[in-house]
Every structure is written in structure tokens, then in C-alpha cells.
PDB file of N, CA and C in Angstrom:
ATOM      1  N   MET A   1      47.717  97.140 125.107  1.00  0.00           N
ATOM      2  CA  MET A   1      47.755  97.943 124.052  1.00  0.00           C
ATOM      3  C   MET A   1      47.201  99.265 124.272  1.00  0.00           C
ATOM      4  N   ARG A   2      47.769 100.375 123.900  1.00  0.00           N
ATOM      5  CA  ARG A   2      47.332 101.746 124.122  1.00  0.00           C
ATOM      6  C   ARG A   2      46.098 102.058 123.211  1.00  0.00           C
ATOM      7  N   GLU A   3      45.178 102.723 123.763  1.00  0.00           N
ATOM      8  CA  GLU A   3      43.958 103.189 122.950  1.00  0.00           C
ATOM      9  C   GLU A   3      44.442 104.201 121.947  1.00  0.00           C
ATOM     10  N   HIS A   4      43.784 104.287 120.854  1.00  0.00           N
ATOM     11  CA  HIS A   4      44.131 105.216 119.831  1.00  0.00           C
ATOM     12  C   HIS A   4      43.570 106.596 120.262  1.00  0.00           C
ATOM     13  N   ALA A   5      44.477 107.567 120.218  1.00  0.00           N
ATOM     14  CA  ALA A   5      44.017 108.929 120.564  1.00  0.00           C
ATOM     15  C   ALA A   5      43.326 109.585 119.362  1.00  0.00           C
ATOM     16  N   THR A   6      42.437 110.499 119.634  1.00  0.00           N
ATOM     17  CA  THR A   6      41.732 111.162 118.543  1.00  0.00           C
ATOM     18  C   THR A   6      42.667 112.065 117.732  1.00  0.00           C
ATOM     19  N   GLU A   7      43.869 112.403 118.330  1.00  0.00           N
ATOM     20  CA  GLU A   7      44.819 113.228 117.638  1.00  0.00           C
ATOM     21  C   GLU A   7      46.117 112.445 117.471  1.00  0.00           C
ATOM     22  N   ILE A   8      46.818 112.700 116.497  1.00  0.00           N
ATOM     23  CA  ILE A   8      48.139 112.091 116.269  1.00  0.00           C
ATOM     24  C   ILE A   8      49.071 112.645 117.304  1.00  0.00           C
ATOM     25  N   SER A   9      49.894 111.813 117.992  1.00  0.00           N
ATOM     26  CA  SER A   9      50.883 112.291 118.964  1.00  0.00           C
ATOM     27  C   SER A   9      52.223 112.296 118.381  1.00  0.00           C
ATOM     28  N   ARG A  10      53.080 113.175 118.819  1.00  0.00           N
ATOM     29  CA  ARG A  10      54.455 113.146 118.388  1.00  0.00           C
ATOM     30  C   ARG A  10      55.349 113.268 119.566  1.00  0.00           C
ATOM     31  N   LYS A  11      56.398 112.537 119.686  1.00  0.00           N
ATOM     32  CA  LYS A  11      57.314 112.636 120.806  1.00  0.00           C
ATOM     33  C   LYS A  11      58.349 113.743 120.538  1.00  0.00           C
ATOM     34  N   LYS A  12      58.621 114.489 121.532  1.00  0.00           N
ATOM     35  CA  LYS A  12      59.625 115.565 121.467  1.00  0.00           C
ATOM     36  C   LYS A  12      60.599 115.340 122.628  1.00  0.00           C
ATOM     37  N   ASN A  13      61.809 115.623 122.375  1.00  0.00           N
ATOM     38  CA  ASN A  13      62.838 115.601 123.357  1.00  0.00           C
ATOM     39  C   ASN A  13      63.341 116.963 123.742  1.00  0.00           C
ATOM     40  N   PHE A  14      63.609 117.185 125.032  1.00  0.00           N
ATOM     41  CA  PHE A  14      64.175 118.514 125.372  1.00  0.00           C
ATOM     42  C   PHE A  14      64.914 118.359 126.630  1.00  0.00           C
ATOM     43  N   PHE A  15      65.694 119.378 126.967  1.00  0.00           N
ATOM     44  CA  PHE A  15      66.520 119.385 128.154  1.00  0.00           C
ATOM     45  C   PHE A  15      65.958 120.407 129.165  1.00  0.00           C
ATOM     46  N   LEU A  16      66.105 120.084 130.510  1.00  0.00           N
ATOM     47  CA  LEU A  16      65.794 120.970 131.613  1.00  0.00           C
ATOM     48  C   LEU A  16      67.043 121.137 132.446  1.00  0.00           C
ATOM     49  N   THR A  17      67.157 122.259 133.002  1.00  0.00           N
ATOM     50  CA  THR A  17      68.368 122.415 133.956  1.00  0.00           C
ATOM     51  C   THR A  17      67.931 121.568 135.184  1.00  0.00           C
ATOM     52  N   ALA A  18      68.979 121.061 135.846  1.00  0.00           N
ATOM     53  CA  ALA A  18      68.688 120.232 136.999  1.00  0.00           C
ATOM     54  C   ALA A  18      67.855 120.773 138.024  1.00  0.00           C
ATOM     55  N   ASP A  19      68.109 122.143 138.272  1.00  0.00           N
ATOM     56  CA  ASP A  19      67.309 122.924 139.252  1.00  0.00           C
ATOM     57  C   ASP A  19      65.818 122.989 138.858  1.00  0.00           C
ATOM     58  N   LEU A  20      65.585 123.274 137.561  1.00  0.00           N
ATOM     59  CA  LEU A  20      64.174 123.364 137.089  1.00  0.00           C
ATOM     60  C   LEU A  20      63.595 121.970 137.113  1.00  0.00           C
ATOM     61  N   ASP A  21      64.287 120.957 136.772  1.00  0.00           N
ATOM     62  CA  ASP A  21      63.709 119.589 136.888  1.00  0.00           C
ATOM     63  C   ASP A  21      63.407 119.212 138.247  1.00  0.00           C
ATOM     64  N   ASP A  22      64.211 119.514 139.217  1.00  0.00           N
ATOM     65  CA  ASP A  22      63.865 119.209 140.608  1.00  0.00           C
ATOM     66  C   ASP A  22      62.663 119.968 141.104  1.00  0.00           C
ATOM     67  N   ARG A  23      62.529 121.268 140.702  1.00  0.00           N
ATOM     68  CA  ARG A  23      61.440 122.056 141.126  1.00  0.00           C
ATOM     69  C   ARG A  23      60.146 121.581 140.484  1.00  0.00           C
ATOM     70  N   VAL A  24      60.187 121.275 139.198  1.00  0.00           N
ATOM     71  CA  VAL A  24      59.015 120.747 138.495  1.00  0.00           C
ATOM     72  C   VAL A  24      58.526 119.432 139.112  1.00  0.00           C
ATOM     73  N   LYS A  25      59.480 118.550 139.472  1.00  0.00           N
ATOM     74  CA  LYS A  25      59.091 117.204 140.043  1.00  0.00           C
ATOM     75  C   LYS A  25      58.280 117.491 141.308  1.00  0.00           C
ATOM     76  N   ILE A  26      58.643 118.422 142.112  1.00  0.00           N
ATOM     77  CA  ILE A  26      57.959 118.709 143.377  1.00  0.00           C
ATOM     78  C   ILE A  26      56.487 119.129 143.074  1.00  0.00           C
ATOM     79  N   HIS A  27      56.325 120.020 142.139  1.00  0.00           N
ATOM     80  CA  HIS A  27      54.981 120.512 141.873  1.00  0.00           C
ATOM     81  C   HIS A  27      54.198 119.461 141.124  1.00  0.00           C
ATOM     82  N   ILE A  28      54.762 118.683 140.318  1.00  0.00           N
ATOM     83  CA  ILE A  28      54.092 117.598 139.631  1.00  0.00           C
ATOM     84  C   ILE A  28      53.508 116.624 140.605  1.00  0.00           C
ATOM     85  N   LYS A  29      54.301 116.263 141.531  1.00  0.00           N
ATOM     86  CA  LYS A  29      53.910 115.324 142.606  1.00  0.00           C
ATOM     87  C   LYS A  29      52.754 115.932 143.426  1.00  0.00           C
ATOM     88  N   GLU A  30      52.783 117.175 143.692  1.00  0.00           N
ATOM     89  CA  GLU A  30      51.709 117.866 144.406  1.00  0.00           C
ATOM     90  C   GLU A  30      50.416 117.915 143.680  1.00  0.00           C
ATOM     91  N   SER A  31      50.555 118.183 142.320  1.00  0.00           N
ATOM     92  CA  SER A  31      49.360 118.355 141.491  1.00  0.00           C
ATOM     93  C   SER A  31      48.723 117.132 141.032  1.00  0.00           C
ATOM     94  N   GLY A  32      49.469 115.985 141.008  1.00  0.00           N
ATOM     95  CA  GLY A  32      48.982 114.810 140.442  1.00  0.00           C
ATOM     96  C   GLY A  32      49.071 114.514 138.958  1.00  0.00           C
ATOM     97  N   LEU A  33      49.566 115.636 138.265  1.00  0.00           N
ATOM     98  CA  LEU A  33      49.833 115.548 136.876  1.00  0.00           C
ATOM     99  C   LEU A  33      51.096 114.734 136.547  1.00  0.00           C
ATOM    100  N   ASN A  34      51.264 114.378 135.294  1.00  0.00           N
ATOM    101  CA  ASN A  34      52.584 113.796 134.926  1.00  0.00           C
ATOM    102  C   ASN A  34      53.236 114.877 134.071  1.00  0.00           C
ATOM    103  N   LEU A  35      54.564 114.787 133.785  1.00  0.00           N
ATOM    104  CA  LEU A  35      55.301 115.743 133.094  1.00  0.00           C
ATOM    105  C   LEU A  35      54.698 115.946 131.729  1.00  0.00           C
ATOM    106  N   SER A  36      54.433 114.915 131.034  1.00  0.00           N
ATOM    107  CA  SER A  36      53.883 115.100 129.694  1.00  0.00           C
ATOM    108  C   SER A  36      52.584 115.856 129.614  1.00  0.00           C
ATOM    109  N   GLN A  37      51.665 115.557 130.559  1.00  0.00           N
ATOM    110  CA  GLN A  37      50.456 116.321 130.626  1.00  0.00           C
ATOM    111  C   GLN A  37      50.619 117.770 130.938  1.00  0.00           C
ATOM    112  N   LEU A  38      51.585 118.007 131.848  1.00  0.00           N
ATOM    113  CA  LEU A  38      51.832 119.427 132.299  1.00  0.00           C
ATOM    114  C   LEU A  38      52.391 120.141 131.063  1.00  0.00           C
ATOM    115  N   ILE A  39      53.327 119.635 130.328  1.00  0.00           N
ATOM    116  CA  ILE A  39      53.930 120.263 129.190  1.00  0.00           C
ATOM    117  C   ILE A  39      52.886 120.558 128.112  1.00  0.00           C
ATOM    118  N   ARG A  40      52.098 119.482 127.837  1.00  0.00           N
ATOM    119  CA  ARG A  40      50.966 119.665 126.824  1.00  0.00           C
ATOM    120  C   ARG A  40      50.037 120.799 127.266  1.00  0.00           C
ATOM    121  N   ASP A  41      49.657 120.876 128.510  1.00  0.00           N
ATOM    122  CA  ASP A  41      48.720 121.945 128.994  1.00  0.00           C
ATOM    123  C   ASP A  41      49.403 123.281 128.808  1.00  0.00           C
ATOM    124  N   LEU A  42      50.629 123.401 129.249  1.00  0.00           N
ATOM    125  CA  LEU A  42      51.252 124.680 129.249  1.00  0.00           C
ATOM    126  C   LEU A  42      51.518 125.187 127.800  1.00  0.00           C
ATOM    127  N   LEU A  43      51.934 124.238 126.896  1.00  0.00           N
ATOM    128  CA  LEU A  43      52.157 124.583 125.517  1.00  0.00           C
ATOM    129  C   LEU A  43      50.860 124.922 124.830  1.00  0.00           C
ATOM    130  N   SER A  44      49.811 124.237 125.178  1.00  0.00           N
ATOM    131  CA  SER A  44      48.477 124.619 124.643  1.00  0.00           C
ATOM    132  C   SER A  44      48.034 125.974 125.008  1.00  0.00           C
ATOM    133  N   ARG A  45      48.190 126.359 126.243  1.00  0.00           N
ATOM    134  CA  ARG A  45      47.818 127.673 126.735  1.00  0.00           C
ATOM    135  C   ARG A  45      48.714 128.729 125.997  1.00  0.00           C
ATOM    136  N   TRP A  46      50.067 128.453 125.917  1.00  0.00           N
ATOM    137  CA  TRP A  46      50.942 129.340 125.303  1.00  0.00           C
ATOM    138  C   TRP A  46      50.548 129.603 123.790  1.00  0.00           C
ATOM    139  N   VAL A  47      50.263 128.501 123.111  1.00  0.00           N
ATOM    140  CA  VAL A  47      49.877 128.695 121.700  1.00  0.00           C
ATOM    141  C   VAL A  47      48.497 129.445 121.531  1.00  0.00           C
ATOM    142  N   GLU A  48      47.570 129.183 122.417  1.00  0.00           N
ATOM    143  CA  GLU A  48      46.273 129.906 122.402  1.00  0.00           C
ATOM    144  C   GLU A  48      46.481 131.341 122.688  1.00  0.00           C
ATOM    145  N   GLU A  49      47.346 131.723 123.573  1.00  0.00           N
ATOM    146  CA  GLU A  49      47.679 133.147 123.860  1.00  0.00           C
ATOM    147  C   GLU A  49      48.315 133.818 122.669  1.00  0.00           C
ATOM    148  N   ARG A  50      49.167 133.117 121.927  1.00  0.00           N
ATOM    149  CA  ARG A  50      49.840 133.724 120.679  1.00  0.00           C
ATOM    150  C   ARG A  50      48.793 133.880 119.687  1.00  0.00           C
ATOM    151  N   GLU A  51      47.913 132.936 119.484  1.00  0.00           N
ATOM    152  CA  GLU A  51      46.864 132.946 118.461  1.00  0.00           C
ATOM    153  C   GLU A  51      45.884 134.147 118.765  1.00  0.00           C
ATOM    154  N   LYS A  52      45.557 134.265 120.077  1.00  0.00           N
ATOM    155  CA  LYS A  52      44.670 135.362 120.485  1.00  0.00           C
ATOM    156  C   LYS A  52      45.370 136.724 120.229  1.00  0.00           C
ATOM    157  N   GLU A  53      46.653 136.851 120.514  1.00  0.00           N
ATOM    158  CA  GLU A  53      47.342 138.137 120.230  1.00  0.00           C
ATOM    159  C   GLU A  53      47.366 138.367 118.792  1.00  0.00           C
ATOM    160  N   LYS A  54      47.553 137.402 117.916  1.00  0.00           N
ATOM    161  CA  LYS A  54      47.523 137.594 116.525  1.00  0.00           C
ATOM    162  C   LYS A  54      46.185 138.143 116.082  1.00  0.00           C
ATOM    163  N   ILE A  55      45.173 137.556 116.506  1.00  0.00           N
ATOM    164  CA  ILE A  55      43.775 137.972 116.199  1.00  0.00           C
ATOM    165  C   ILE A  55      43.519 139.383 116.654  1.00  0.00           C
ATOM    166  N   ASP A  56      43.905 139.667 117.953  1.00  0.00           N
ATOM    167  CA  ASP A  56      43.746 140.989 118.529  1.00  0.00           C
ATOM    168  C   ASP A  56      44.475 141.999 117.679  1.00  0.00           C
ATOM    169  N   ASN A  57      45.684 141.670 117.188  1.00  0.00           N
ATOM    170  CA  ASN A  57      46.401 142.669 116.407  1.00  0.00           C
ATOM    171  C   ASN A  57      45.787 142.914 115.075  1.00  0.00           C
ATOM    172  N   GLU A  58      45.212 141.825 114.467  1.00  0.00           N
ATOM    173  CA  GLU A  58      44.467 141.931 113.210  1.00  0.00           C
ATOM    174  C   GLU A  58      43.258 142.867 113.406  1.00  0.00           C
ATOM    175  N   ILE A  59      42.561 142.724 114.451  1.00  0.00           N
ATOM    176  CA  ILE A  59      41.364 143.499 114.793  1.00  0.00           C
ATOM    177  C   ILE A  59      41.853 144.986 114.940  1.00  0.00           C
ATOM    178  N   ILE A  60      42.869 145.200 115.640  1.00  0.00           N
ATOM    179  CA  ILE A  60      43.407 146.630 115.836  1.00  0.00           C
ATOM    180  C   ILE A  60      43.752 147.278 114.528  1.00  0.00           C
ATOM    181  N   LYS A  61      44.392 146.473 113.638  1.00  0.00           N
ATOM    182  CA  LYS A  61      44.750 147.014 112.358  1.00  0.00           C
ATOM    183  C   LYS A  61      43.506 147.275 111.503  1.00  0.00           C
ATOM    184  N   ALA A  62      42.518 146.486 111.589  1.00  0.00           N
ATOM    185  CA  ALA A  62      41.287 146.644 110.823  1.00  0.00           C
ATOM    186  C   ALA A  62      40.554 147.901 111.335  1.00  0.00           C
ATOM    187  N   CYS A  63      40.558 148.041 112.637  1.00  0.00           N
ATOM    188  CA  CYS A  63      39.772 149.159 113.256  1.00  0.00           C
ATOM    189  C   CYS A  63      40.578 150.465 112.874  1.00  0.00           C
ATOM    190  N   GLU A  64      41.880 150.479 112.785  1.00  0.00           N
ATOM    191  CA  GLU A  64      42.619 151.663 112.493  1.00  0.00           C
ATOM    192  C   GLU A  64      42.345 151.986 110.982  1.00  0.00           C
ATOM    193  N   PHE A  65      42.365 150.969 110.163  1.00  0.00           N
ATOM    194  CA  PHE A  65      42.027 151.188 108.760  1.00  0.00           C
ATOM    195  C   PHE A  65      40.703 151.812 108.531  1.00  0.00           C
ATOM    196  N   TYR A  66      39.657 151.193 109.141  1.00  0.00           N
ATOM    197  CA  TYR A  66      38.291 151.714 108.935  1.00  0.00           C
ATOM    198  C   TYR A  66      38.070 153.117 109.614  1.00  0.00           C
ATOM    199  N   TYR A  67      38.805 153.344 110.754  1.00  0.00           N
ATOM    200  CA  TYR A  67      38.739 154.694 111.337  1.00  0.00           C
ATOM    201  C   TYR A  67      39.352 155.778 110.360  1.00  0.00           C
ATOM    202  N   ASP A  68      40.472 155.411 109.748  1.00  0.00           N
ATOM    203  CA  ASP A  68      41.086 156.338 108.775  1.00  0.00           C
ATOM    204  C   ASP A  68      40.238 156.575 107.514  1.00  0.00           C
ATOM    205  N   MET A  69      39.567 155.432 107.075  1.00  0.00           N
ATOM    206  CA  MET A  69      38.723 155.522 105.876  1.00  0.00           C
ATOM    207  C   MET A  69      37.515 156.387 106.288  1.00  0.00           C
ATOM    208  N   ASP A  70      36.999 156.141 107.452  1.00  0.00           N
ATOM    209  CA  ASP A  70      35.783 156.923 107.855  1.00  0.00           C
ATOM    210  C   ASP A  70      36.058 158.399 107.934  1.00  0.00           C
ATOM    211  N   LYS A  71      37.201 158.788 108.474  1.00  0.00           N
ATOM    212  CA  LYS A  71      37.651 160.154 108.571  1.00  0.00           C
ATOM    213  C   LYS A  71      37.809 160.757 107.063  1.00  0.00           C
ATOM    214  N   LYS A  72      38.426 159.982 106.167  1.00  0.00           N
ATOM    215  CA  LYS A  72      38.560 160.423 104.831  1.00  0.00           C
ATOM    216  C   LYS A  72      37.200 160.575 104.215  1.00  0.00           C
ATOM    217  N   MET A  73      36.339 159.632 104.379  1.00  0.00           N
ATOM    218  CA  MET A  73      34.989 159.768 103.656  1.00  0.00           C
ATOM    219  C   MET A  73      34.188 160.918 104.348  1.00  0.00           C
ATOM    220  N   ALA A  74      34.320 161.196 105.598  1.00  0.00           N
ATOM    221  CA  ALA A  74      33.650 162.326 106.251  1.00  0.00           C
ATOM    222  C   ALA A  74      34.152 163.650 105.644  1.00  0.00           C
ATOM    223  N   ALA A  75      35.430 163.691 105.398  1.00  0.00           N
ATOM    224  CA  ALA A  75      36.041 164.949 104.904  1.00  0.00           C
ATOM    225  C   ALA A  75      35.477 165.137 103.429  1.00  0.00           C
ATOM    226  N   GLU A  76      35.446 164.022 102.784  1.00  0.00           N
ATOM    227  CA  GLU A  76      34.970 164.076 101.355  1.00  0.00           C
ATOM    228  C   GLU A  76      33.450 164.556 101.355  1.00  0.00           C
ATOM    229  N   TRP A  77      32.668 164.110 102.303  1.00  0.00           N
ATOM    230  CA  TRP A  77      31.254 164.496 102.341  1.00  0.00           C
ATOM    231  C   TRP A  77      31.079 165.914 102.718  1.00  0.00           C
ATOM    232  N   ARG A  78      31.932 166.348 103.654  1.00  0.00           N
ATOM    233  CA  ARG A  78      31.896 167.753 104.003  1.00  0.00           C
ATOM    234  C   ARG A  78      32.252 168.695 102.776  1.00  0.00           C
ATOM    235  N   SER A  79      33.193 168.290 102.071  1.00  0.00           N
ATOM    236  CA  SER A  79      33.682 169.000 100.898  1.00  0.00           C
ATOM    237  C   SER A  79      32.530 168.929  99.883  1.00  0.00           C
ATOM    238  N   ALA A  80      31.861 167.816  99.594  1.00  0.00           N
ATOM    239  CA  ALA A  80      30.769 167.733  98.619  1.00  0.00           C
ATOM    240  C   ALA A  80      29.591 168.577  99.134  1.00  0.00           C
ATOM    241  N   GLU A  81      29.323 168.537 100.458  1.00  0.00           N
ATOM    242  CA  GLU A  81      28.188 169.340 100.907  1.00  0.00           C
ATOM    243  C   GLU A  81      28.425 170.868 100.858  1.00  0.00           C
ATOM    244  N   ALA A  82      29.689 171.270 100.986  1.00  0.00           N
ATOM    245  CA  ALA A  82      30.008 172.625 100.882  1.00  0.00           C
ATOM    246  C   ALA A  82      29.827 173.160  99.485  1.00  0.00           C
ATOM    247  N   GLU A  83      30.001 172.290  98.516  1.00  0.00           N
ATOM    248  CA  GLU A  83      29.844 172.680  97.114  1.00  0.00           C
ATOM    249  C   GLU A  83      28.360 172.887  96.776  1.00  0.00           C
ATOM    250  N   VAL A  84      27.518 172.255  97.472  1.00  0.00           N
ATOM    251  CA  VAL A  84      26.030 172.259  97.117  1.00  0.00           C
ATOM    252  C   VAL A  84      25.428 173.542  97.577  1.00  0.00           C
TER     253      VAL A  84
END
């Protein structure tokens, strides 16, 4: 009987071209991984990259917003100081 994984697993089916399948088999044999582990590792890295890109874009937008607000506030301060 299989040990219970800490995460729920779901089976997915997909197709590979024959050429890609042959090439993958060569590298899997050399690496000692199995196809399922290779796909999990690659998909995990891909998802992490997308999540990092999303966070990076949110940080860029926030920086742009605060930069614009800082410029606006600086202009308002200059205007207020000129009145004094």
C-alpha cells in the first residue's frame, strides 16, 4: 500500500510528440528521475516564476504610484512654501 502524501495528488493526462517523448526518455534515463517527478519539478518551477513575475509587477506598479504621489506632494509643498 502506498504511503499517504502530505499533499493531495491528482492525475493528469497529456500528449507528447513522439520526437519529444524519445528525447525526454533519454534524459530521464541519464538523470535518474521518472517522468512524473520531472514534470512536477518543471511545473513547480514554472508556477513559481509566474508567481514571482506577478509580485514583481505589483511592486513596480506600487513604486510608480508612490513616485507619482511623491512628485505631487513635493510640488504642493513647494507651492505652499512659496506662499509663506
